Amino acid sequence: MQQALAAIKKHFPWAISLLLLAPCTTQAQSPLSPQDTALLAGNCVTCHGPGGRPPVGTGSSIPALRDQSSTTLLERMQAFKAGRVAGATVMPLLMQGYDAAQMQALAQWFAQPPGGRP
């Protein structure tokens, strides 16, 4: 009995941590609401410009997101996350913070015409 109590005390913090994280991992895999996607898109427009079009005069270093298909955008985000884009600096780091559902939602968000969003 003493050994069982010692084992429980030793592993209790880990078990509680796992139980607390379980809702987060489940939530991350569920579809994102339009409001959640809009918040995520706010991170992108910081560099890619309002509505996914970079400001005039920034050159070709920051591509437009608006005029691309969701498939192209998703593939590009996945490539950044996997580190398969040569010469990329910021995007591989940023994409590490997004899961598959978030990247899919962002790709669909920017592929829609601005007036076509909910």
PDB file of N, CA and C in Angstrom:
ATOM      1  N   MET A   1       0.819  -1.195   0.000  1.00  0.00           N
ATOM      2  CA  MET A   1       0.000   0.000   0.000  1.00  0.00           C
ATOM      3  C   MET A   1       0.863   1.260   0.000  1.00  0.00           C
ATOM      4  N   GLN A   2       1.936   1.249   0.777  1.00  0.00           N
ATOM      5  CA  GLN A   2       2.838   2.400   0.841  1.00  0.00           C
ATOM      6  C   GLN A   2       3.456   2.691  -0.525  1.00  0.00           C
ATOM      7  N   GLN A   3       3.818   1.606  -1.241  1.00  0.00           N
ATOM      8  CA  GLN A   3       4.420   1.780  -2.559  1.00  0.00           C
ATOM      9  C   GLN A   3       3.414   2.384  -3.538  1.00  0.00           C
ATOM     10  N   ALA A   4       2.170   1.959  -3.444  1.00  0.00           N
ATOM     11  CA  ALA A   4       1.132   2.487  -4.325  1.00  0.00           C
ATOM     12  C   ALA A   4       0.921   3.973  -4.071  1.00  0.00           C
ATOM     13  N   LEU A   5       0.866   4.356  -2.804  1.00  0.00           N
ATOM     14  CA  LEU A   5       0.691   5.772  -2.472  1.00  0.00           C
ATOM     15  C   LEU A   5       1.894   6.596  -2.925  1.00  0.00           C
ATOM     16  N   ALA A   6       3.081   6.057  -2.793  1.00  0.00           N
ATOM     17  CA  ALA A   6       4.282   6.762  -3.235  1.00  0.00           C
ATOM     18  C   ALA A   6       4.260   6.949  -4.750  1.00  0.00           C
ATOM     19  N   ALA A   7       3.817   5.927  -5.472  1.00  0.00           N
ATOM     20  CA  ALA A   7       3.738   6.013  -6.934  1.00  0.00           C
ATOM     21  C   ALA A   7       2.701   7.048  -7.357  1.00  0.00           C
ATOM     22  N   ILE A   8       1.575   7.061  -6.662  1.00  0.00           N
ATOM     23  CA  ILE A   8       0.529   8.037  -6.989  1.00  0.00           C
ATOM     24  C   ILE A   8       1.033   9.453  -6.742  1.00  0.00           C
ATOM     25  N   LYS A   9       1.678   9.671  -5.610  1.00  0.00           N
ATOM     26  CA  LYS A   9       2.205  10.995  -5.306  1.00  0.00           C
ATOM     27  C   LYS A   9       3.266  11.423  -6.322  1.00  0.00           C
ATOM     28  N   LYS A  10       4.068  10.467  -6.752  1.00  0.00           N
ATOM     29  CA  LYS A  10       5.133  10.775  -7.702  1.00  0.00           C
ATOM     30  C   LYS A  10       4.575  11.162  -9.065  1.00  0.00           C
ATOM     31  N   HIS A  11       3.551  10.454  -9.513  1.00  0.00           N
ATOM     32  CA  HIS A  11       3.023  10.657 -10.863  1.00  0.00           C
ATOM     33  C   HIS A  11       1.779  11.538 -10.910  1.00  0.00           C
ATOM     34  N   PHE A  12       1.270  11.953  -9.772  1.00  0.00           N
ATOM     35  CA  PHE A  12       0.054  12.758  -9.739  1.00  0.00           C
ATOM     36  C   PHE A  12       0.155  14.050 -10.556  1.00  0.00           C
ATOM     37  N   PRO A  13       1.239  14.840 -10.414  1.00  0.00           N
ATOM     38  CA  PRO A  13       1.318  16.078 -11.215  1.00  0.00           C
ATOM     39  C   PRO A  13       1.271  15.814 -12.717  1.00  0.00           C
ATOM     40  N   TRP A  14       1.916  14.748 -13.168  1.00  0.00           N
ATOM     41  CA  TRP A  14       1.901  14.419 -14.598  1.00  0.00           C
ATOM     42  C   TRP A  14       0.499  14.031 -15.048  1.00  0.00           C
ATOM     43  N   ALA A  15      -0.184  13.246 -14.242  1.00  0.00           N
ATOM     44  CA  ALA A  15      -1.534  12.808 -14.603  1.00  0.00           C
ATOM     45  C   ALA A  15      -2.481  14.001 -14.685  1.00  0.00           C
ATOM     46  N   ILE A  16      -2.384  14.903 -13.743  1.00  0.00           N
ATOM     47  CA  ILE A  16      -3.231  16.099 -13.762  1.00  0.00           C
ATOM     48  C   ILE A  16      -2.918  16.939 -14.997  1.00  0.00           C
ATOM     49  N   SER A  17      -1.637  17.100 -15.328  1.00  0.00           N
ATOM     50  CA  SER A  17      -1.250  17.865 -16.510  1.00  0.00           C
ATOM     51  C   SER A  17      -1.866  17.274 -17.772  1.00  0.00           C
ATOM     52  N   LEU A  18      -1.810  15.960 -17.891  1.00  0.00           N
ATOM     53  CA  LEU A  18      -2.385  15.310 -19.067  1.00  0.00           C
ATOM     54  C   LEU A  18      -3.896  15.509 -19.134  1.00  0.00           C
ATOM     55  N   LEU A  19      -4.551  15.418 -17.998  1.00  0.00           N
ATOM     56  CA  LEU A  19      -6.000  15.625 -17.974  1.00  0.00           C
ATOM     57  C   LEU A  19      -6.365  17.056 -18.343  1.00  0.00           C
ATOM     58  N   LEU A  20      -5.562  18.011 -17.917  1.00  0.00           N
ATOM     59  CA  LEU A  20      -5.840  19.410 -18.236  1.00  0.00           C
ATOM     60  C   LEU A  20      -5.563  19.725 -19.701  1.00  0.00           C
ATOM     61  N   LEU A  21      -4.595  19.042 -20.291  1.00  0.00           N
ATOM     62  CA  LEU A  21      -4.262  19.281 -21.691  1.00  0.00           C
ATOM     63  C   LEU A  21      -5.204  18.559 -22.651  1.00  0.00           C
ATOM     64  N   ALA A  22      -5.857  17.525 -22.227  1.00  0.00           N
ATOM     65  CA  ALA A  22      -6.729  16.741 -23.105  1.00  0.00           C
ATOM     66  C   ALA A  22      -7.786  17.592 -23.804  1.00  0.00           C
ATOM     67  N   PRO A  23      -8.498  18.495 -23.104  1.00  0.00           N
ATOM     68  CA  PRO A  23      -9.467  19.331 -23.823  1.00  0.00           C
ATOM     69  C   PRO A  23      -8.818  20.226 -24.867  1.00  0.00           C
ATOM     70  N   CYS A  24      -7.589  20.666 -24.627  1.00  0.00           N
ATOM     71  CA  CYS A  24      -6.904  21.530 -25.595  1.00  0.00           C
ATOM     72  C   CYS A  24      -6.588  20.784 -26.876  1.00  0.00           C
ATOM     73  N   THR A  25      -6.129  19.543 -26.764  1.00  0.00           N
ATOM     74  CA  THR A  25      -5.785  18.797 -27.959  1.00  0.00           C
ATOM     75  C   THR A  25      -7.035  18.423 -28.735  1.00  0.00           C
ATOM     76  N   THR A  26      -8.108  18.133 -28.044  1.00  0.00           N
ATOM     77  CA  THR A  26      -9.362  17.826 -28.730  1.00  0.00           C
ATOM     78  C   THR A  26      -9.887  19.064 -29.445  1.00  0.00           C
ATOM     79  N   GLN A  27      -9.828  20.197 -28.788  1.00  0.00           N
ATOM     80  CA  GLN A  27     -10.332  21.433 -29.369  1.00  0.00           C
ATOM     81  C   GLN A  27      -9.527  21.845 -30.597  1.00  0.00           C
ATOM     82  N   ALA A  28      -8.218  21.602 -30.580  1.00  0.00           N
ATOM     83  CA  ALA A  28      -7.376  22.013 -31.696  1.00  0.00           C
ATOM     84  C   ALA A  28      -7.728  21.266 -32.973  1.00  0.00           C
ATOM     85  N   GLN A  29      -8.305  20.071 -32.867  1.00  0.00           N
ATOM     86  CA  GLN A  29      -8.621  19.276 -34.034  1.00  0.00           C
ATOM     87  C   GLN A  29     -10.030  19.536 -34.562  1.00  0.00           C
ATOM     88  N   SER A  30     -10.856  20.225 -33.802  1.00  0.00           N
ATOM     89  CA  SER A  30     -12.203  20.516 -34.269  1.00  0.00           C
ATOM     90  C   SER A  30     -12.158  21.690 -35.248  1.00  0.00           C
ATOM     91  N   PRO A  31     -13.164  21.778 -36.123  1.00  0.00           N
ATOM     92  CA  PRO A  31     -13.171  22.892 -37.091  1.00  0.00           C
ATOM     93  C   PRO A  31     -13.196  24.241 -36.377  1.00  0.00           C
ATOM     94  N   LEU A  32     -12.521  25.186 -36.978  1.00  0.00           N
ATOM     95  CA  LEU A  32     -12.475  26.525 -36.395  1.00  0.00           C
ATOM     96  C   LEU A  32     -13.705  27.317 -36.806  1.00  0.00           C
ATOM     97  N   SER A  33     -14.176  28.132 -35.910  1.00  0.00           N
ATOM     98  CA  SER A  33     -15.294  29.008 -36.225  1.00  0.00           C
ATOM     99  C   SER A  33     -14.785  30.137 -37.117  1.00  0.00           C
ATOM    100  N   PRO A  34     -15.681  30.799 -37.841  1.00  0.00           N
ATOM    101  CA  PRO A  34     -15.254  31.944 -38.649  1.00  0.00           C
ATOM    102  C   PRO A  34     -14.576  33.033 -37.805  1.00  0.00           C
ATOM    103  N   GLN A  35     -15.041  33.212 -36.574  1.00  0.00           N
ATOM    104  CA  GLN A  35     -14.438  34.226 -35.708  1.00  0.00           C
ATOM    105  C   GLN A  35     -13.006  33.843 -35.325  1.00  0.00           C
ATOM    106  N   ASP A  36     -12.789  32.550 -35.009  1.00  0.00           N
ATOM    107  CA  ASP A  36     -11.442  32.098 -34.676  1.00  0.00           C
ATOM    108  C   ASP A  36     -10.508  32.237 -35.874  1.00  0.00           C
ATOM    109  N   THR A  37     -11.015  31.895 -37.053  1.00  0.00           N
ATOM    110  CA  THR A  37     -10.208  32.012 -38.260  1.00  0.00           C
ATOM    111  C   THR A  37      -9.862  33.469 -38.542  1.00  0.00           C
ATOM    112  N   ALA A  38     -10.815  34.353 -38.321  1.00  0.00           N
ATOM    113  CA  ALA A  38     -10.562  35.784 -38.528  1.00  0.00           C
ATOM    114  C   ALA A  38      -9.461  36.274 -37.591  1.00  0.00           C
ATOM    115  N   LEU A  39      -9.457  35.795 -36.358  1.00  0.00           N
ATOM    116  CA  LEU A  39      -8.397  36.179 -35.424  1.00  0.00           C
ATOM    117  C   LEU A  39      -7.037  35.675 -35.898  1.00  0.00           C
ATOM    118  N   LEU A  40      -6.995  34.434 -36.374  1.00  0.00           N
ATOM    119  CA  LEU A  40      -5.739  33.900 -36.901  1.00  0.00           C
ATOM    120  C   LEU A  40      -5.287  34.679 -38.132  1.00  0.00           C
ATOM    121  N   ALA A  41      -6.223  35.030 -38.993  1.00  0.00           N
ATOM    122  CA  ALA A  41      -5.895  35.778 -40.211  1.00  0.00           C
ATOM    123  C   ALA A  41      -5.308  37.142 -39.865  1.00  0.00           C
ATOM    124  N   GLY A  42      -5.667  37.677 -38.728  1.00  0.00           N
ATOM    125  CA  GLY A  42      -5.100  38.943 -38.281  1.00  0.00           C
ATOM    126  C   GLY A  42      -3.582  38.869 -38.146  1.00  0.00           C
ATOM    127  N   ASN A  43      -3.070  37.706 -37.763  1.00  0.00           N
ATOM    128  CA  ASN A  43      -1.617  37.530 -37.693  1.00  0.00           C
ATOM    129  C   ASN A  43      -0.991  37.623 -39.077  1.00  0.00           C
ATOM    130  N   CYS A  44      -1.660  37.082 -40.074  1.00  0.00           N
ATOM    131  CA  CYS A  44      -1.122  37.044 -41.443  1.00  0.00           C
ATOM    132  C   CYS A  44      -1.105  38.433 -42.079  1.00  0.00           C
ATOM    133  N   VAL A  45      -2.164  39.202 -41.852  1.00  0.00           N
ATOM    134  CA  VAL A  45      -2.264  40.500 -42.523  1.00  0.00           C
ATOM    135  C   VAL A  45      -1.266  41.514 -41.975  1.00  0.00           C
ATOM    136  N   THR A  46      -0.644  41.205 -40.852  1.00  0.00           N
ATOM    137  CA  THR A  46       0.396  42.088 -40.331  1.00  0.00           C
ATOM    138  C   THR A  46       1.485  42.287 -41.382  1.00  0.00           C
ATOM    139  N   CYS A  47       1.862  41.209 -42.056  1.00  0.00           N
ATOM    140  CA  CYS A  47       2.899  41.300 -43.096  1.00  0.00           C
ATOM    141  C   CYS A  47       2.313  41.265 -44.508  1.00  0.00           C
ATOM    142  N   HIS A  48       1.301  40.429 -44.697  1.00  0.00           N
ATOM    143  CA  HIS A  48       0.751  40.223 -46.040  1.00  0.00           C
ATOM    144  C   HIS A  48      -0.259  41.287 -46.445  1.00  0.00           C
ATOM    145  N   GLY A  49      -0.546  42.213 -45.558  1.00  0.00           N
ATOM    146  CA  GLY A  49      -1.394  43.341 -45.886  1.00  0.00           C
ATOM    147  C   GLY A  49      -2.869  43.094 -45.651  1.00  0.00           C
ATOM    148  N   PRO A  50      -3.631  44.181 -45.596  1.00  0.00           N
ATOM    149  CA  PRO A  50      -5.074  44.081 -45.382  1.00  0.00           C
ATOM    150  C   PRO A  50      -5.725  43.209 -46.454  1.00  0.00           C
ATOM    151  N   GLY A  51      -6.533  42.294 -46.015  1.00  0.00           N
ATOM    152  CA  GLY A  51      -7.221  41.416 -46.952  1.00  0.00           C
ATOM    153  C   GLY A  51      -6.306  40.427 -47.642  1.00  0.00           C
ATOM    154  N   GLY A  52      -5.056  40.310 -47.194  1.00  0.00           N
ATOM    155  CA  GLY A  52      -4.136  39.369 -47.804  1.00  0.00           C
ATOM    156  C   GLY A  52      -3.410  39.890 -49.025  1.00  0.00           C
ATOM    157  N   ARG A  53      -3.434  41.191 -49.204  1.00  0.00           N
ATOM    158  CA  ARG A  53      -2.684  41.824 -50.304  1.00  0.00           C
ATOM    159  C   ARG A  53      -1.672  42.785 -49.701  1.00  0.00           C
ATOM    160  N   PRO A  54      -0.365  42.572 -50.010  1.00  0.00           N
ATOM    161  CA  PRO A  54       0.648  43.446 -49.408  1.00  0.00           C
ATOM    162  C   PRO A  54       0.506  44.895 -49.860  1.00  0.00           C
ATOM    163  N   PRO A  55       0.911  45.802 -49.007  1.00  0.00           N
ATOM    164  CA  PRO A  55       0.852  47.214 -49.390  1.00  0.00           C
ATOM    165  C   PRO A  55       1.675  47.482 -50.648  1.00  0.00           C
ATOM    166  N   VAL A  56       1.236  48.439 -51.414  1.00  0.00           N
ATOM    167  CA  VAL A  56       1.944  48.837 -52.638  1.00  0.00           C
ATOM    168  C   VAL A  56       3.339  49.307 -52.252  1.00  0.00           C
ATOM    169  N   GLY A  57       4.311  48.887 -53.034  1.00  0.00           N
ATOM    170  CA  GLY A  57       5.677  49.325 -52.801  1.00  0.00           C
ATOM    171  C   GLY A  57       6.512  48.368 -51.979  1.00  0.00           C
ATOM    172  N   THR A  58       5.934  47.232 -51.559  1.00  0.00           N
ATOM    173  CA  THR A  58       6.723  46.281 -50.773  1.00  0.00           C
ATOM    174  C   THR A  58       7.494  45.312 -51.654  1.00  0.00           C
ATOM    175  N   GLY A  59       7.278  45.369 -52.961  1.00  0.00           N
ATOM    176  CA  GLY A  59       7.986  44.467 -53.864  1.00  0.00           C
ATOM    177  C   GLY A  59       7.429  43.055 -53.803  1.00  0.00           C
ATOM    178  N   SER A  60       8.208  42.122 -54.279  1.00  0.00           N
ATOM    179  CA  SER A  60       7.723  40.740 -54.355  1.00  0.00           C
ATOM    180  C   SER A  60       8.179  39.897 -53.174  1.00  0.00           C
ATOM    181  N   SER A  61       8.813  40.494 -52.179  1.00  0.00           N
ATOM    182  CA  SER A  61       9.293  39.707 -51.043  1.00  0.00           C
ATOM    183  C   SER A  61       8.153  39.176 -50.187  1.00  0.00           C
ATOM    184  N   ILE A  62       7.021  39.845 -50.186  1.00  0.00           N
ATOM    185  CA  ILE A  62       5.858  39.384 -49.429  1.00  0.00           C
ATOM    186  C   ILE A  62       4.736  39.125 -50.432  1.00  0.00           C
ATOM    187  N   PRO A  63       4.405  37.852 -50.654  1.00  0.00           N
ATOM    188  CA  PRO A  63       3.397  37.537 -51.667  1.00  0.00           C
ATOM    189  C   PRO A  63       1.971  37.811 -51.189  1.00  0.00           C
ATOM    190  N   ALA A  64       1.102  38.024 -52.145  1.00  0.00           N
ATOM    191  CA  ALA A  64      -0.320  38.170 -51.847  1.00  0.00           C
ATOM    192  C   ALA A  64      -0.883  36.808 -51.493  1.00  0.00           C
ATOM    193  N   LEU A  65      -1.756  36.772 -50.529  1.00  0.00           N
ATOM    194  CA  LEU A  65      -2.446  35.536 -50.173  1.00  0.00           C
ATOM    195  C   LEU A  65      -3.794  35.445 -50.887  1.00  0.00           C
ATOM    196  N   ARG A  66      -4.385  36.590 -51.163  1.00  0.00           N
ATOM    197  CA  ARG A  66      -5.740  36.670 -51.689  1.00  0.00           C
ATOM    198  C   ARG A  66      -5.908  35.995 -53.049  1.00  0.00           C
ATOM    199  N   ASP A  67      -4.979  36.082 -53.922  1.00  0.00           N
ATOM    200  CA  ASP A  67      -5.178  35.631 -55.296  1.00  0.00           C
ATOM    201  C   ASP A  67      -4.717  34.196 -55.536  1.00  0.00           C
ATOM    202  N   GLN A  68      -4.661  33.393 -54.496  1.00  0.00           N
ATOM    203  CA  GLN A  68      -4.209  32.014 -54.623  1.00  0.00           C
ATOM    204  C   GLN A  68      -5.308  31.053 -54.188  1.00  0.00           C
ATOM    205  N   SER A  69      -5.220  29.820 -54.667  1.00  0.00           N
ATOM    206  CA  SER A  69      -6.206  28.806 -54.285  1.00  0.00           C
ATOM    207  C   SER A  69      -5.909  28.309 -52.873  1.00  0.00           C
ATOM    208  N   SER A  70      -6.913  27.738 -52.232  1.00  0.00           N
ATOM    209  CA  SER A  70      -6.713  27.203 -50.885  1.00  0.00           C
ATOM    210  C   SER A  70      -5.702  26.058 -50.913  1.00  0.00           C
ATOM    211  N   THR A  71      -5.695  25.273 -51.982  1.00  0.00           N
ATOM    212  CA  THR A  71      -4.731  24.174 -52.096  1.00  0.00           C
ATOM    213  C   THR A  71      -3.304  24.702 -52.147  1.00  0.00           C
ATOM    214  N   THR A  72      -3.079  25.712 -52.954  1.00  0.00           N
ATOM    215  CA  THR A  72      -1.745  26.315 -53.067  1.00  0.00           C
ATOM    216  C   THR A  72      -1.302  26.909 -51.738  1.00  0.00           C
ATOM    217  N   LEU A  73      -2.193  27.635 -51.089  1.00  0.00           N
ATOM    218  CA  LEU A  73      -1.855  28.247 -49.803  1.00  0.00           C
ATOM    219  C   LEU A  73      -1.535  27.189 -48.748  1.00  0.00           C
ATOM    220  N   LEU A  74      -2.358  26.149 -48.680  1.00  0.00           N
ATOM    221  CA  LEU A  74      -2.140  25.098 -47.688  1.00  0.00           C
ATOM    222  C   LEU A  74      -0.815  24.378 -47.948  1.00  0.00           C
ATOM    223  N   GLU A  75      -0.554  24.054 -49.199  1.00  0.00           N
ATOM    224  CA  GLU A  75       0.713  23.386 -49.527  1.00  0.00           C
ATOM    225  C   GLU A  75       1.910  24.251 -49.148  1.00  0.00           C
ATOM    226  N   ARG A  76       1.804  25.530 -49.379  1.00  0.00           N
ATOM    227  CA  ARG A  76       2.895  26.447 -49.046  1.00  0.00           C
ATOM    228  C   ARG A  76       3.093  26.529 -47.527  1.00  0.00           C
ATOM    229  N   MET A  77       2.005  26.627 -46.771  1.00  0.00           N
ATOM    230  CA  MET A  77       2.115  26.668 -45.312  1.00  0.00           C
ATOM    231  C   MET A  77       2.728  25.379 -44.779  1.00  0.00           C
ATOM    232  N   GLN A  78       2.311  24.240 -45.334  1.00  0.00           N
ATOM    233  CA  GLN A  78       2.863  22.956 -44.908  1.00  0.00           C
ATOM    234  C   GLN A  78       4.356  22.871 -45.227  1.00  0.00           C
ATOM    235  N   ALA A  79       4.749  23.403 -46.384  1.00  0.00           N
ATOM    236  CA  ALA A  79       6.163  23.395 -46.759  1.00  0.00           C
ATOM    237  C   ALA A  79       6.981  24.266 -45.804  1.00  0.00           C
ATOM    238  N   PHE A  80       6.440  25.419 -45.435  1.00  0.00           N
ATOM    239  CA  PHE A  80       7.126  26.269 -44.462  1.00  0.00           C
ATOM    240  C   PHE A  80       7.286  25.537 -43.139  1.00  0.00           C
ATOM    241  N   LYS A  81       6.210  24.928 -42.682  1.00  0.00           N
ATOM    242  CA  LYS A  81       6.239  24.236 -41.393  1.00  0.00           C
ATOM    243  C   LYS A  81       7.248  23.097 -41.402  1.00  0.00           C
ATOM    244  N   ALA A  82       7.359  22.393 -42.520  1.00  0.00           N
ATOM    245  CA  ALA A  82       8.290  21.268 -42.632  1.00  0.00           C
ATOM    246  C   ALA A  82       9.723  21.704 -42.922  1.00  0.00           C
ATOM    247  N   GLY A  83       9.934  23.010 -43.158  1.00  0.00           N
ATOM    248  CA  GLY A  83      11.265  23.505 -43.440  1.00  0.00           C
ATOM    249  C   GLY A  83      11.748  23.215 -44.848  1.00  0.00           C
ATOM    250  N   ARG A  84      10.811  23.071 -45.790  1.00  0.00           N
ATOM    251  CA  ARG A  84      11.162  22.727 -47.168  1.00  0.00           C
ATOM    252  C   ARG A  84      11.251  23.936 -48.102  1.00  0.00           C
ATOM    253  N   VAL A  85      11.227  25.151 -47.572  1.00  0.00           N
ATOM    254  CA  VAL A  85      11.288  26.343 -48.419  1.00  0.00           C
ATOM    255  C   VAL A  85      12.661  26.983 -48.240  1.00  0.00           C
ATOM    256  N   ALA A  86      13.461  26.896 -49.289  1.00  0.00           N
ATOM    257  CA  ALA A  86      14.819  27.445 -49.235  1.00  0.00           C
ATOM    258  C   ALA A  86      14.773  28.962 -49.100  1.00  0.00           C
ATOM    259  N   GLY A  87      15.627  29.485 -48.262  1.00  0.00           N
ATOM    260  CA  GLY A  87      15.746  30.926 -48.102  1.00  0.00           C
ATOM    261  C   GLY A  87      14.676  31.562 -47.236  1.00  0.00           C
ATOM    262  N   ALA A  88      13.737  30.792 -46.739  1.00  0.00           N
ATOM    263  CA  ALA A  88      12.690  31.353 -45.886  1.00  0.00           C
ATOM    264  C   ALA A  88      13.276  31.688 -44.517  1.00  0.00           C
ATOM    265  N   THR A  89      12.831  32.788 -43.953  1.00  0.00           N
ATOM    266  CA  THR A  89      13.365  33.204 -42.660  1.00  0.00           C
ATOM    267  C   THR A  89      12.308  33.166 -41.558  1.00  0.00           C
ATOM    268  N   VAL A  90      11.271  33.946 -41.692  1.00  0.00           N
ATOM    269  CA  VAL A  90      10.277  34.092 -40.636  1.00  0.00           C
ATOM    270  C   VAL A  90       9.169  33.033 -40.710  1.00  0.00           C
ATOM    271  N   MET A  91       8.709  32.728 -41.899  1.00  0.00           N
ATOM    272  CA  MET A  91       7.547  31.850 -42.040  1.00  0.00           C
ATOM    273  C   MET A  91       7.735  30.445 -41.444  1.00  0.00           C
ATOM    274  N   PRO A  92       8.884  29.798 -41.576  1.00  0.00           N
ATOM    275  CA  PRO A  92       9.024  28.480 -40.942  1.00  0.00           C
ATOM    276  C   PRO A  92       8.831  28.539 -39.432  1.00  0.00           C
ATOM    277  N   LEU A  93       9.295  29.612 -38.827  1.00  0.00           N
ATOM    278  CA  LEU A  93       9.118  29.769 -37.383  1.00  0.00           C
ATOM    279  C   LEU A  93       7.654  30.030 -37.031  1.00  0.00           C
ATOM    280  N   LEU A  94       7.018  30.898 -37.784  1.00  0.00           N
ATOM    281  CA  LEU A  94       5.616  31.222 -37.507  1.00  0.00           C
ATOM    282  C   LEU A  94       4.709  30.009 -37.687  1.00  0.00           C
ATOM    283  N   MET A  95       4.965  29.217 -38.712  1.00  0.00           N
ATOM    284  CA  MET A  95       4.078  28.091 -39.008  1.00  0.00           C
ATOM    285  C   MET A  95       4.153  26.994 -37.953  1.00  0.00           C
ATOM    286  N   GLN A  96       5.194  26.976 -37.146  1.00  0.00           N
ATOM    287  CA  GLN A  96       5.293  25.973 -36.079  1.00  0.00           C
ATOM    288  C   GLN A  96       4.170  26.133 -35.060  1.00  0.00           C
ATOM    289  N   GLY A  97       3.603  27.318 -34.980  1.00  0.00           N
ATOM    290  CA  GLY A  97       2.532  27.569 -34.018  1.00  0.00           C
ATOM    291  C   GLY A  97       1.146  27.189 -34.496  1.00  0.00           C
ATOM    292  N   TYR A  98       1.020  26.693 -35.720  1.00  0.00           N
ATOM    293  CA  TYR A  98      -0.288  26.360 -36.272  1.00  0.00           C
ATOM    294  C   TYR A  98      -0.439  24.858 -36.449  1.00  0.00           C
ATOM    295  N   ASP A  99      -1.620  24.346 -36.138  1.00  0.00           N
ATOM    296  CA  ASP A  99      -1.885  22.935 -36.399  1.00  0.00           C
ATOM    297  C   ASP A  99      -2.547  22.782 -37.771  1.00  0.00           C
ATOM    298  N   ALA A 100      -2.806  21.554 -38.163  1.00  0.00           N
ATOM    299  CA  ALA A 100      -3.349  21.276 -39.500  1.00  0.00           C
ATOM    300  C   ALA A 100      -4.708  21.941 -39.712  1.00  0.00           C
ATOM    301  N   ALA A 101      -5.564  21.908 -38.707  1.00  0.00           N
ATOM    302  CA  ALA A 101      -6.898  22.510 -38.842  1.00  0.00           C
ATOM    303  C   ALA A 101      -6.804  24.022 -39.007  1.00  0.00           C
ATOM    304  N   GLN A 102      -5.900  24.644 -38.288  1.00  0.00           N
ATOM    305  CA  GLN A 102      -5.732  26.093 -38.399  1.00  0.00           C
ATOM    306  C   GLN A 102      -5.185  26.479 -39.766  1.00  0.00           C
ATOM    307  N   MET A 103      -4.220  25.715 -40.269  1.00  0.00           N
ATOM    308  CA  MET A 103      -3.676  26.016 -41.598  1.00  0.00           C
ATOM    309  C   MET A 103      -4.741  25.832 -42.679  1.00  0.00           C
ATOM    310  N   GLN A 104      -5.554  24.787 -42.546  1.00  0.00           N
ATOM    311  CA  GLN A 104      -6.635  24.552 -43.513  1.00  0.00           C
ATOM    312  C   GLN A 104      -7.633  25.710 -43.476  1.00  0.00           C
ATOM    313  N   ALA A 105      -7.989  26.143 -42.290  1.00  0.00           N
ATOM    314  CA  ALA A 105      -8.949  27.242 -42.149  1.00  0.00           C
ATOM    315  C   ALA A 105      -8.388  28.534 -42.748  1.00  0.00           C
ATOM    316  N   LEU A 106      -7.115  28.809 -42.509  1.00  0.00           N
ATOM    317  CA  LEU A 106      -6.506  30.019 -43.068  1.00  0.00           C
ATOM    318  C   LEU A 106      -6.430  29.955 -44.587  1.00  0.00           C
ATOM    319  N   ALA A 107      -6.094  28.796 -45.128  1.00  0.00           N
ATOM    320  CA  ALA A 107      -6.025  28.653 -46.586  1.00  0.00           C
ATOM    321  C   ALA A 107      -7.390  28.919 -47.211  1.00  0.00           C
ATOM    322  N   GLN A 108      -8.430  28.386 -46.609  1.00  0.00           N
ATOM    323  CA  GLN A 108      -9.782  28.617 -47.126  1.00  0.00           C
ATOM    324  C   GLN A 108     -10.188  30.074 -46.947  1.00  0.00           C
ATOM    325  N   TRP A 109      -9.820  30.663 -45.846  1.00  0.00           N
ATOM    326  CA  TRP A 109     -10.161  32.059 -45.546  1.00  0.00           C
ATOM    327  C   TRP A 109      -9.616  33.000 -46.619  1.00  0.00           C
ATOM    328  N   PHE A 110      -8.330  32.865 -46.940  1.00  0.00           N
ATOM    329  CA  PHE A 110      -7.708  33.770 -47.900  1.00  0.00           C
ATOM    330  C   PHE A 110      -8.058  33.433 -49.342  1.00  0.00           C
ATOM    331  N   ALA A 111      -8.518  32.227 -49.603  1.00  0.00           N
ATOM    332  CA  ALA A 111      -8.904  31.854 -50.971  1.00  0.00           C
ATOM    333  C   ALA A 111     -10.284  32.416 -51.344  1.00  0.00           C
ATOM    334  N   GLN A 112     -11.071  32.771 -50.345  1.00  0.00           N
ATOM    335  CA  GLN A 112     -12.403  33.336 -50.605  1.00  0.00           C
ATOM    336  C   GLN A 112     -12.298  34.818 -50.968  1.00  0.00           C
ATOM    337  N   PRO A 113     -13.212  35.283 -51.814  1.00  0.00           N
ATOM    338  CA  PRO A 113     -13.262  36.730 -52.053  1.00  0.00           C
ATOM    339  C   PRO A 113     -13.613  37.437 -50.736  1.00  0.00           C
ATOM    340  N   PRO A 114     -13.118  38.644 -50.508  1.00  0.00           N
ATOM    341  CA  PRO A 114     -13.386  39.344 -49.250  1.00  0.00           C
ATOM    342  C   PRO A 114     -14.858  39.407 -48.875  1.00  0.00           C
ATOM    343  N   GLY A 115     -15.750  39.570 -49.820  1.00  0.00           N
ATOM    344  CA  GLY A 115     -17.173  39.637 -49.506  1.00  0.00           C
ATOM    345  C   GLY A 115     -17.814  38.284 -49.301  1.00  0.00           C
ATOM    346  N   GLY A 116     -17.091  37.195 -49.567  1.00  0.00           N
ATOM    347  CA  GLY A 116     -17.663  35.865 -49.470  1.00  0.00           C
ATOM    348  C   GLY A 116     -17.522  35.228 -48.102  1.00  0.00           C
ATOM    349  N   ARG A 117     -16.961  35.963 -47.157  1.00  0.00           N
ATOM    350  CA  ARG A 117     -16.778  35.397 -45.806  1.00  0.00           C
ATOM    351  C   ARG A 117     -18.034  35.574 -44.983  1.00  0.00           C
ATOM    352  N   PRO A 118     -18.211  34.608 -44.062  1.00  0.00           N
ATOM    353  CA  PRO A 118     -19.368  34.737 -43.162  1.00  0.00           C
ATOM    354  C   PRO A 118     -19.205  35.885 -42.200  1.00  0.00           C
TER     355      PRO A 118
END
